[in-house]
Amino acid sequence: GAVLLTLGTAHVAYVSLERMPAPRPELVRGPYPGGRAYRLAVDGCGGNVINWARTVISGCATEEEFFGQAARSVRGARGLTFEPELDSGCGAWRNIGLHHATADLARAVVEALGRRLASLVKDLGVDPRRRRGLAAGGGSRNAFFLQSVSAALGAPVRAISAGPLH
């Protein structure tokens, strides 16, 4: 009865369903144990974008420093947004001004990833307020990132321990 988010190099949202859903080009579906089915949506943006951002934002050599910087900015990064576009290998900060600091750059990246995760959940047809939100993977170990994802979904997300063979 939950939606599972894996917060790794890529971000994936999974949901288990009672029966096989109709095919949709943007979603993956398949059989699940117990006669059930699953549907998933994937986004190539995730930890790879965070790792890239750490290389270009001063003071973000480690993940802890990156998320620490992001936490120093306010929600909304003072009007700054980030838009990753992996298909073209680009990304852009929008509305950047002389008043923005490195914390705002990091916060904008985190919030962009949260919005993209919320979009994946919406693509699955899931109301995150009606299903428990669970998160696994490297990003789930960071409390600030989980808070940001929860804010984007409008519902709490709890970290769990899960690997590809669990």
N, C-alpha and C. Protein backbone atom coordinates (compact mmCIF):
# COMPACT_ATOMS: atom_id res chain seq x y z
N GLY A 1 0.80 -1.21 0.00
CA GLY A 1 0.00 0.00 0.00
C GLY A 1 0.83 1.26 0.00
N ALA A 2 2.13 1.16 -0.29
CA ALA A 2 3.01 2.32 -0.24
C ALA A 2 3.54 2.63 -1.64
N VAL A 3 4.11 3.81 -1.77
CA VAL A 3 4.88 4.15 -2.96
C VAL A 3 6.34 4.16 -2.50
N LEU A 4 7.19 3.48 -3.26
CA LEU A 4 8.61 3.40 -2.92
C LEU A 4 9.40 4.28 -3.87
N LEU A 5 10.20 5.14 -3.30
CA LEU A 5 11.10 5.99 -4.07
C LEU A 5 12.52 5.50 -3.85
N THR A 6 13.26 5.25 -4.92
CA THR A 6 14.67 4.94 -4.75
C THR A 6 15.44 6.19 -5.16
N LEU A 7 16.25 6.65 -4.22
CA LEU A 7 16.97 7.91 -4.38
C LEU A 7 18.45 7.60 -4.59
N GLY A 8 18.76 7.11 -5.76
CA GLY A 8 20.13 6.77 -6.10
C GLY A 8 20.62 7.62 -7.25
N THR A 9 21.49 7.04 -8.08
CA THR A 9 22.02 7.75 -9.24
C THR A 9 20.87 8.27 -10.10
N ALA A 10 19.88 7.41 -10.32
CA ALA A 10 18.63 7.80 -10.95
C ALA A 10 17.56 7.75 -9.87
N HIS A 11 16.45 8.40 -10.09
CA HIS A 11 15.33 8.33 -9.16
C HIS A 11 14.23 7.50 -9.79
N VAL A 12 13.67 6.58 -8.98
CA VAL A 12 12.63 5.69 -9.46
C VAL A 12 11.49 5.70 -8.45
N ALA A 13 10.26 5.70 -8.94
CA ALA A 13 9.08 5.58 -8.10
C ALA A 13 8.36 4.29 -8.49
N TYR A 14 8.05 3.47 -7.49
CA TYR A 14 7.40 2.18 -7.70
C TYR A 14 6.08 2.13 -6.94
N VAL A 15 5.13 1.40 -7.50
CA VAL A 15 3.89 1.12 -6.79
C VAL A 15 3.45 -0.29 -7.17
N SER A 16 2.96 -1.03 -6.18
CA SER A 16 2.41 -2.36 -6.40
C SER A 16 0.90 -2.22 -6.57
N LEU A 17 0.36 -2.97 -7.52
CA LEU A 17 -1.05 -2.86 -7.86
C LEU A 17 -1.72 -4.23 -7.83
N GLU A 18 -3.03 -4.24 -7.69
CA GLU A 18 -3.76 -5.51 -7.65
C GLU A 18 -3.77 -6.23 -8.99
N ARG A 19 -3.74 -5.48 -10.09
CA ARG A 19 -3.75 -6.11 -11.41
C ARG A 19 -2.85 -5.31 -12.36
N MET A 20 -2.51 -5.95 -13.45
CA MET A 20 -1.63 -5.34 -14.44
C MET A 20 -2.27 -4.08 -15.02
N PRO A 21 -1.58 -2.96 -14.93
CA PRO A 21 -2.14 -1.73 -15.50
C PRO A 21 -2.01 -1.72 -17.02
N ALA A 22 -2.80 -0.87 -17.65
CA ALA A 22 -2.70 -0.70 -19.11
C ALA A 22 -1.33 -0.14 -19.46
N PRO A 23 -0.80 -0.51 -20.62
CA PRO A 23 0.51 0.03 -21.00
C PRO A 23 0.46 1.52 -21.25
N ARG A 24 1.55 2.19 -20.87
CA ARG A 24 1.75 3.60 -21.17
C ARG A 24 3.20 3.76 -21.56
N PRO A 25 3.50 4.48 -22.62
CA PRO A 25 4.88 4.56 -23.11
C PRO A 25 5.88 5.09 -22.08
N GLU A 26 5.46 5.97 -21.18
CA GLU A 26 6.40 6.59 -20.25
C GLU A 26 6.58 5.80 -18.95
N LEU A 27 5.84 4.68 -18.79
CA LEU A 27 5.92 3.90 -17.56
C LEU A 27 6.31 2.46 -17.85
N VAL A 28 6.91 1.82 -16.87
CA VAL A 28 7.27 0.41 -16.94
C VAL A 28 6.27 -0.35 -16.07
N ARG A 29 5.87 -1.53 -16.50
CA ARG A 29 4.95 -2.34 -15.71
C ARG A 29 5.38 -3.79 -15.82
N GLY A 30 4.90 -4.61 -14.89
CA GLY A 30 5.24 -6.02 -14.94
C GLY A 30 4.60 -6.79 -13.81
N PRO A 31 4.79 -8.11 -13.82
CA PRO A 31 4.21 -8.95 -12.77
C PRO A 31 4.96 -8.77 -11.45
N TYR A 32 4.22 -8.92 -10.36
CA TYR A 32 4.77 -8.80 -9.01
C TYR A 32 4.33 -10.04 -8.23
N PRO A 33 5.13 -10.52 -7.29
CA PRO A 33 4.76 -11.72 -6.55
C PRO A 33 3.36 -11.64 -5.94
N GLY A 34 2.74 -12.79 -5.80
CA GLY A 34 1.41 -12.86 -5.20
C GLY A 34 0.30 -12.53 -6.16
N GLY A 35 0.57 -12.62 -7.47
CA GLY A 35 -0.46 -12.33 -8.46
C GLY A 35 -0.72 -10.85 -8.66
N ARG A 36 0.13 -10.02 -8.13
CA ARG A 36 -0.02 -8.58 -8.27
C ARG A 36 0.78 -8.09 -9.46
N ALA A 37 0.84 -6.79 -9.63
CA ALA A 37 1.62 -6.16 -10.70
C ALA A 37 2.32 -4.94 -10.11
N TYR A 38 3.28 -4.44 -10.85
CA TYR A 38 3.94 -3.20 -10.43
C TYR A 38 3.95 -2.23 -11.60
N ARG A 39 4.11 -0.99 -11.24
CA ARG A 39 4.31 0.07 -12.23
C ARG A 39 5.42 0.94 -11.68
N LEU A 40 6.29 1.42 -12.55
CA LEU A 40 7.36 2.29 -12.11
C LEU A 40 7.59 3.39 -13.13
N ALA A 41 8.10 4.49 -12.61
CA ALA A 41 8.50 5.63 -13.43
C ALA A 41 9.92 5.97 -13.03
N VAL A 42 10.74 6.31 -13.99
CA VAL A 42 12.15 6.57 -13.71
C VAL A 42 12.57 7.93 -14.27
N ASP A 43 13.48 8.55 -13.56
CA ASP A 43 14.04 9.83 -13.99
C ASP A 43 15.55 9.71 -13.90
N GLY A 44 16.25 10.02 -14.97
CA GLY A 44 17.70 9.94 -15.00
C GLY A 44 18.37 10.95 -14.08
N CYS A 45 17.62 11.93 -13.60
CA CYS A 45 18.18 12.91 -12.66
C CYS A 45 18.11 12.34 -11.27
N GLY A 46 19.15 12.52 -10.54
CA GLY A 46 19.21 12.03 -9.17
C GLY A 46 20.56 12.33 -8.59
N GLY A 47 21.16 11.31 -8.00
CA GLY A 47 22.47 11.48 -7.39
C GLY A 47 23.52 11.95 -8.36
N ASN A 48 23.35 11.60 -9.63
CA ASN A 48 24.31 12.07 -10.63
C ASN A 48 24.28 13.59 -10.77
N VAL A 49 23.11 14.19 -10.65
CA VAL A 49 23.00 15.65 -10.71
C VAL A 49 23.61 16.27 -9.45
N ILE A 50 23.37 15.63 -8.31
CA ILE A 50 23.96 16.12 -7.07
C ILE A 50 25.49 16.04 -7.15
N ASN A 51 26.00 14.92 -7.65
CA ASN A 51 27.46 14.78 -7.78
C ASN A 51 28.03 15.84 -8.71
N TRP A 52 27.35 16.12 -9.81
CA TRP A 52 27.82 17.18 -10.71
C TRP A 52 27.78 18.53 -10.00
N ALA A 53 26.66 18.83 -9.33
CA ALA A 53 26.52 20.13 -8.65
C ALA A 53 27.61 20.32 -7.61
N ARG A 54 27.99 19.24 -6.95
CA ARG A 54 29.07 19.34 -5.95
C ARG A 54 30.37 19.78 -6.57
N THR A 55 30.58 19.48 -7.86
CA THR A 55 31.83 19.86 -8.51
C THR A 55 31.86 21.33 -8.93
N VAL A 56 30.71 21.96 -9.04
CA VAL A 56 30.67 23.34 -9.52
C VAL A 56 30.27 24.36 -8.44
N ILE A 57 29.73 23.89 -7.32
CA ILE A 57 29.34 24.80 -6.25
C ILE A 57 30.43 24.80 -5.19
N SER A 58 30.97 25.94 -4.91
CA SER A 58 32.04 26.08 -3.92
C SER A 58 31.58 25.59 -2.56
N GLY A 59 32.47 24.88 -1.87
CA GLY A 59 32.19 24.42 -0.52
C GLY A 59 31.32 23.18 -0.45
N CYS A 60 31.23 22.44 -1.55
CA CYS A 60 30.37 21.26 -1.59
C CYS A 60 31.14 20.02 -2.01
N ALA A 61 32.32 19.84 -1.46
CA ALA A 61 33.18 18.71 -1.86
C ALA A 61 32.58 17.36 -1.47
N THR A 62 31.79 17.33 -0.40
CA THR A 62 31.17 16.08 0.03
C THR A 62 29.65 16.23 -0.03
N GLU A 63 28.95 15.10 0.04
CA GLU A 63 27.48 15.17 0.08
C GLU A 63 27.01 15.92 1.32
N GLU A 64 27.69 15.70 2.44
CA GLU A 64 27.30 16.38 3.68
C GLU A 64 27.43 17.90 3.51
N GLU A 65 28.51 18.34 2.88
CA GLU A 65 28.68 19.78 2.65
C GLU A 65 27.61 20.31 1.69
N PHE A 66 27.30 19.53 0.64
CA PHE A 66 26.29 19.95 -0.33
C PHE A 66 24.94 20.13 0.36
N PHE A 67 24.48 19.10 1.09
CA PHE A 67 23.18 19.20 1.75
C PHE A 67 23.21 20.22 2.88
N GLY A 68 24.37 20.38 3.52
CA GLY A 68 24.51 21.42 4.54
C GLY A 68 24.33 22.80 3.94
N GLN A 69 24.93 23.04 2.78
CA GLN A 69 24.75 24.31 2.07
C GLN A 69 23.27 24.51 1.73
N ALA A 70 22.65 23.48 1.15
CA ALA A 70 21.24 23.58 0.74
C ALA A 70 20.35 23.92 1.93
N ALA A 71 20.65 23.33 3.08
CA ALA A 71 19.84 23.58 4.28
C ALA A 71 19.99 25.01 4.79
N ARG A 72 21.07 25.70 4.43
CA ARG A 72 21.27 27.09 4.87
C ARG A 72 20.42 28.10 4.10
N SER A 73 19.88 27.68 2.97
CA SER A 73 19.02 28.57 2.19
C SER A 73 17.57 28.37 2.63
N VAL A 74 16.73 29.28 2.23
CA VAL A 74 15.31 29.19 2.56
C VAL A 74 14.58 28.40 1.48
N ARG A 75 13.43 27.86 1.85
CA ARG A 75 12.61 27.16 0.87
C ARG A 75 12.30 28.10 -0.28
N GLY A 76 12.48 27.62 -1.50
CA GLY A 76 12.29 28.46 -2.68
C GLY A 76 13.57 29.11 -3.13
N ALA A 77 14.66 28.90 -2.38
CA ALA A 77 16.00 29.40 -2.74
C ALA A 77 15.98 30.86 -3.16
N ARG A 78 15.14 31.63 -2.49
CA ARG A 78 15.03 33.08 -2.76
C ARG A 78 14.77 33.36 -4.23
N GLY A 79 13.88 32.56 -4.83
CA GLY A 79 13.47 32.77 -6.22
C GLY A 79 14.31 32.07 -7.26
N LEU A 80 15.39 31.44 -6.85
CA LEU A 80 16.28 30.74 -7.78
C LEU A 80 15.73 29.34 -8.05
N THR A 81 15.74 28.92 -9.30
CA THR A 81 15.34 27.56 -9.65
C THR A 81 16.45 26.90 -10.46
N PHE A 82 16.44 25.60 -10.45
CA PHE A 82 17.38 24.83 -11.26
C PHE A 82 16.57 23.90 -12.14
N GLU A 83 16.98 23.77 -13.40
CA GLU A 83 16.30 22.90 -14.35
C GLU A 83 17.31 21.99 -15.02
N PRO A 84 17.40 20.72 -14.55
CA PRO A 84 18.31 19.79 -15.21
C PRO A 84 17.68 19.27 -16.49
N GLU A 85 18.48 19.10 -17.51
CA GLU A 85 18.02 18.57 -18.79
C GLU A 85 19.05 17.55 -19.26
N LEU A 86 18.89 16.32 -18.78
CA LEU A 86 19.91 15.31 -19.06
C LEU A 86 19.97 14.91 -20.53
N ASP A 87 18.85 15.00 -21.24
CA ASP A 87 18.87 14.62 -22.66
C ASP A 87 19.90 15.42 -23.43
N SER A 88 20.04 16.69 -23.07
CA SER A 88 21.00 17.54 -23.76
C SER A 88 22.31 17.66 -22.99
N GLY A 89 22.37 17.06 -21.80
CA GLY A 89 23.58 17.16 -20.98
C GLY A 89 23.76 18.53 -20.37
N CYS A 90 22.66 19.24 -20.19
CA CYS A 90 22.73 20.61 -19.68
C CYS A 90 21.88 20.75 -18.42
N GLY A 91 22.02 21.86 -17.80
CA GLY A 91 21.20 22.26 -16.68
C GLY A 91 21.34 23.77 -16.56
N ALA A 92 20.35 24.40 -15.95
CA ALA A 92 20.42 25.85 -15.86
C ALA A 92 19.78 26.34 -14.57
N TRP A 93 20.45 27.28 -13.92
CA TRP A 93 19.83 28.01 -12.83
C TRP A 93 19.08 29.17 -13.46
N ARG A 94 17.85 29.38 -13.07
CA ARG A 94 17.02 30.47 -13.60
C ARG A 94 16.79 31.51 -12.50
N ASN A 95 16.67 32.73 -12.92
CA ASN A 95 16.42 33.86 -12.03
C ASN A 95 17.59 34.14 -11.10
N ILE A 96 18.79 33.80 -11.51
CA ILE A 96 19.95 33.98 -10.65
C ILE A 96 20.28 35.48 -10.56
N GLY A 97 20.56 35.90 -9.35
CA GLY A 97 20.88 37.30 -9.12
C GLY A 97 22.13 37.46 -8.27
N LEU A 98 22.60 38.67 -8.18
CA LEU A 98 23.80 38.93 -7.40
C LEU A 98 23.60 38.68 -5.91
N HIS A 99 22.36 38.59 -5.47
CA HIS A 99 22.07 38.33 -4.06
C HIS A 99 22.10 36.84 -3.72
N HIS A 100 22.17 35.97 -4.72
CA HIS A 100 22.18 34.53 -4.45
C HIS A 100 23.56 34.06 -4.02
N ALA A 101 23.57 33.09 -3.12
CA ALA A 101 24.81 32.52 -2.59
C ALA A 101 24.88 31.04 -2.94
N THR A 102 25.99 30.41 -2.60
CA THR A 102 26.16 28.99 -2.89
C THR A 102 25.05 28.15 -2.25
N ALA A 103 24.58 28.54 -1.09
CA ALA A 103 23.49 27.80 -0.43
C ALA A 103 22.25 27.80 -1.31
N ASP A 104 21.96 28.92 -1.96
CA ASP A 104 20.79 29.00 -2.84
C ASP A 104 20.96 28.10 -4.06
N LEU A 105 22.19 28.04 -4.60
CA LEU A 105 22.44 27.16 -5.75
C LEU A 105 22.17 25.71 -5.38
N ALA A 106 22.68 25.28 -4.21
CA ALA A 106 22.48 23.90 -3.77
C ALA A 106 21.00 23.64 -3.47
N ARG A 107 20.34 24.57 -2.80
CA ARG A 107 18.92 24.39 -2.47
C ARG A 107 18.08 24.27 -3.73
N ALA A 108 18.39 25.05 -4.75
CA ALA A 108 17.63 24.99 -6.01
C ALA A 108 17.77 23.62 -6.66
N VAL A 109 18.95 23.02 -6.59
CA VAL A 109 19.15 21.67 -7.14
C VAL A 109 18.31 20.66 -6.38
N VAL A 110 18.36 20.71 -5.05
CA VAL A 110 17.60 19.78 -4.22
C VAL A 110 16.10 19.91 -4.49
N GLU A 111 15.62 21.14 -4.57
CA GLU A 111 14.19 21.35 -4.82
C GLU A 111 13.78 20.90 -6.22
N ALA A 112 14.66 21.07 -7.20
CA ALA A 112 14.35 20.59 -8.56
C ALA A 112 14.19 19.07 -8.56
N LEU A 113 15.07 18.38 -7.85
CA LEU A 113 14.96 16.92 -7.78
C LEU A 113 13.68 16.50 -7.06
N GLY A 114 13.31 17.23 -6.02
CA GLY A 114 12.06 16.94 -5.33
C GLY A 114 10.85 17.11 -6.24
N ARG A 115 10.84 18.18 -7.03
CA ARG A 115 9.73 18.40 -7.97
C ARG A 115 9.66 17.27 -9.00
N ARG A 116 10.83 16.82 -9.46
CA ARG A 116 10.85 15.75 -10.45
C ARG A 116 10.34 14.44 -9.85
N LEU A 117 10.69 14.17 -8.59
CA LEU A 117 10.17 12.98 -7.92
C LEU A 117 8.65 13.08 -7.76
N ALA A 118 8.16 14.24 -7.39
CA ALA A 118 6.70 14.42 -7.27
C ALA A 118 6.02 14.19 -8.62
N SER A 119 6.66 14.59 -9.68
CA SER A 119 6.12 14.36 -11.02
C SER A 119 6.07 12.87 -11.35
N LEU A 120 7.10 12.12 -10.94
CA LEU A 120 7.09 10.67 -11.16
C LEU A 120 5.92 10.03 -10.44
N VAL A 121 5.70 10.42 -9.20
CA VAL A 121 4.60 9.86 -8.42
C VAL A 121 3.27 10.20 -9.08
N LYS A 122 3.15 11.42 -9.54
CA LYS A 122 1.92 11.82 -10.24
C LYS A 122 1.73 11.00 -11.51
N ASP A 123 2.82 10.76 -12.26
CA ASP A 123 2.73 9.94 -13.47
C ASP A 123 2.22 8.53 -13.17
N LEU A 124 2.54 8.01 -11.98
CA LEU A 124 2.06 6.69 -11.58
C LEU A 124 0.58 6.69 -11.24
N GLY A 125 0.00 7.87 -11.12
CA GLY A 125 -1.40 7.97 -10.74
C GLY A 125 -1.62 7.77 -9.25
N VAL A 126 -0.59 8.06 -8.46
CA VAL A 126 -0.63 7.84 -7.02
C VAL A 126 -0.84 9.17 -6.29
N ASP A 127 -1.74 9.16 -5.32
CA ASP A 127 -1.91 10.31 -4.44
C ASP A 127 -1.03 10.05 -3.21
N PRO A 128 0.08 10.78 -3.07
CA PRO A 128 1.00 10.51 -1.96
C PRO A 128 0.38 10.74 -0.57
N ARG A 129 -0.74 11.42 -0.52
CA ARG A 129 -1.41 11.62 0.78
C ARG A 129 -2.24 10.40 1.16
N ARG A 130 -2.46 9.49 0.20
CA ARG A 130 -3.27 8.30 0.47
C ARG A 130 -2.43 7.03 0.57
N ARG A 131 -1.15 7.12 0.25
CA ARG A 131 -0.24 5.97 0.36
C ARG A 131 0.97 6.39 1.18
N ARG A 132 1.49 5.45 1.94
CA ARG A 132 2.72 5.75 2.67
C ARG A 132 3.83 6.01 1.68
N GLY A 133 4.68 6.95 1.99
CA GLY A 133 5.85 7.24 1.18
C GLY A 133 7.09 6.63 1.81
N LEU A 134 7.75 5.76 1.08
CA LEU A 134 8.97 5.11 1.55
C LEU A 134 10.11 5.48 0.62
N ALA A 135 11.30 5.58 1.17
CA ALA A 135 12.47 5.91 0.35
C ALA A 135 13.62 5.00 0.71
N ALA A 136 14.35 4.57 -0.32
CA ALA A 136 15.54 3.74 -0.15
C ALA A 136 16.63 4.32 -1.04
N GLY A 137 17.82 3.82 -0.89
CA GLY A 137 18.94 4.29 -1.70
C GLY A 137 19.74 5.34 -0.96
N GLY A 138 20.84 5.74 -1.57
CA GLY A 138 21.78 6.66 -0.94
C GLY A 138 21.17 7.96 -0.48
N GLY A 139 20.31 8.55 -1.30
CA GLY A 139 19.70 9.83 -0.93
C GLY A 139 18.78 9.74 0.27
N SER A 140 18.27 8.54 0.55
CA SER A 140 17.35 8.38 1.67
C SER A 140 18.06 8.49 3.02
N ARG A 141 19.38 8.46 3.01
CA ARG A 141 20.14 8.56 4.26
C ARG A 141 20.35 10.01 4.69
N ASN A 142 19.89 10.96 3.89
CA ASN A 142 20.07 12.36 4.24
C ASN A 142 18.73 12.95 4.67
N ALA A 143 18.62 13.34 5.94
CA ALA A 143 17.37 13.85 6.50
C ALA A 143 16.88 15.09 5.76
N PHE A 144 17.78 16.00 5.40
CA PHE A 144 17.35 17.21 4.70
C PHE A 144 16.75 16.87 3.33
N PHE A 145 17.37 15.95 2.61
CA PHE A 145 16.84 15.55 1.31
C PHE A 145 15.46 14.93 1.47
N LEU A 146 15.29 14.06 2.46
CA LEU A 146 13.97 13.45 2.70
C LEU A 146 12.93 14.52 3.03
N GLN A 147 13.30 15.51 3.82
CA GLN A 147 12.37 16.61 4.13
C GLN A 147 11.97 17.35 2.86
N SER A 148 12.94 17.58 1.98
CA SER A 148 12.67 18.29 0.73
C SER A 148 11.75 17.48 -0.18
N VAL A 149 11.99 16.18 -0.25
CA VAL A 149 11.14 15.31 -1.06
C VAL A 149 9.73 15.28 -0.47
N SER A 150 9.63 15.19 0.85
CA SER A 150 8.32 15.21 1.52
C SER A 150 7.57 16.50 1.21
N ALA A 151 8.28 17.62 1.26
CA ALA A 151 7.64 18.91 0.95
C ALA A 151 7.13 18.95 -0.48
N ALA A 152 7.93 18.42 -1.41
CA ALA A 152 7.51 18.41 -2.82
C ALA A 152 6.29 17.51 -3.04
N LEU A 153 6.23 16.40 -2.32
CA LEU A 153 5.10 15.48 -2.45
C LEU A 153 3.87 15.95 -1.68
N GLY A 154 4.09 16.79 -0.68
CA GLY A 154 2.99 17.20 0.17
C GLY A 154 2.58 16.11 1.14
N ALA A 155 3.49 15.18 1.41
CA ALA A 155 3.22 14.06 2.32
C ALA A 155 4.56 13.54 2.86
N PRO A 156 4.54 12.96 4.05
CA PRO A 156 5.80 12.47 4.63
C PRO A 156 6.38 11.28 3.86
N VAL A 157 7.70 11.22 3.85
CA VAL A 157 8.44 10.10 3.27
C VAL A 157 9.39 9.59 4.34
N ARG A 158 9.38 8.28 4.54
CA ARG A 158 10.20 7.64 5.58
C ARG A 158 11.25 6.77 4.93
N ALA A 159 12.47 6.87 5.42
CA ALA A 159 13.56 6.04 4.91
C ALA A 159 13.42 4.61 5.40
N ILE A 160 13.71 3.66 4.50
CA ILE A 160 13.73 2.25 4.85
C ILE A 160 15.03 1.66 4.34
N SER A 161 15.36 0.50 4.84
CA SER A 161 16.54 -0.22 4.35
C SER A 161 16.05 -1.21 3.32
N ALA A 162 16.44 -1.00 2.08
CA ALA A 162 16.04 -1.91 1.01
C ALA A 162 17.12 -1.89 -0.05
N GLY A 163 17.41 -3.03 -0.57
CA GLY A 163 18.38 -3.16 -1.65
C GLY A 163 17.73 -3.85 -2.82
N PRO A 164 18.45 -4.03 -3.89
CA PRO A 164 17.86 -4.61 -5.08
C PRO A 164 17.39 -6.06 -4.88
N LEU A 165 17.90 -6.75 -3.89
CA LEU A 165 17.50 -8.13 -3.67
C LEU A 165 16.57 -8.32 -2.48
N HIS A 166 16.11 -7.25 -1.87
CA HIS A 166 15.20 -7.36 -0.72
C HIS A 166 13.77 -7.50 -1.17
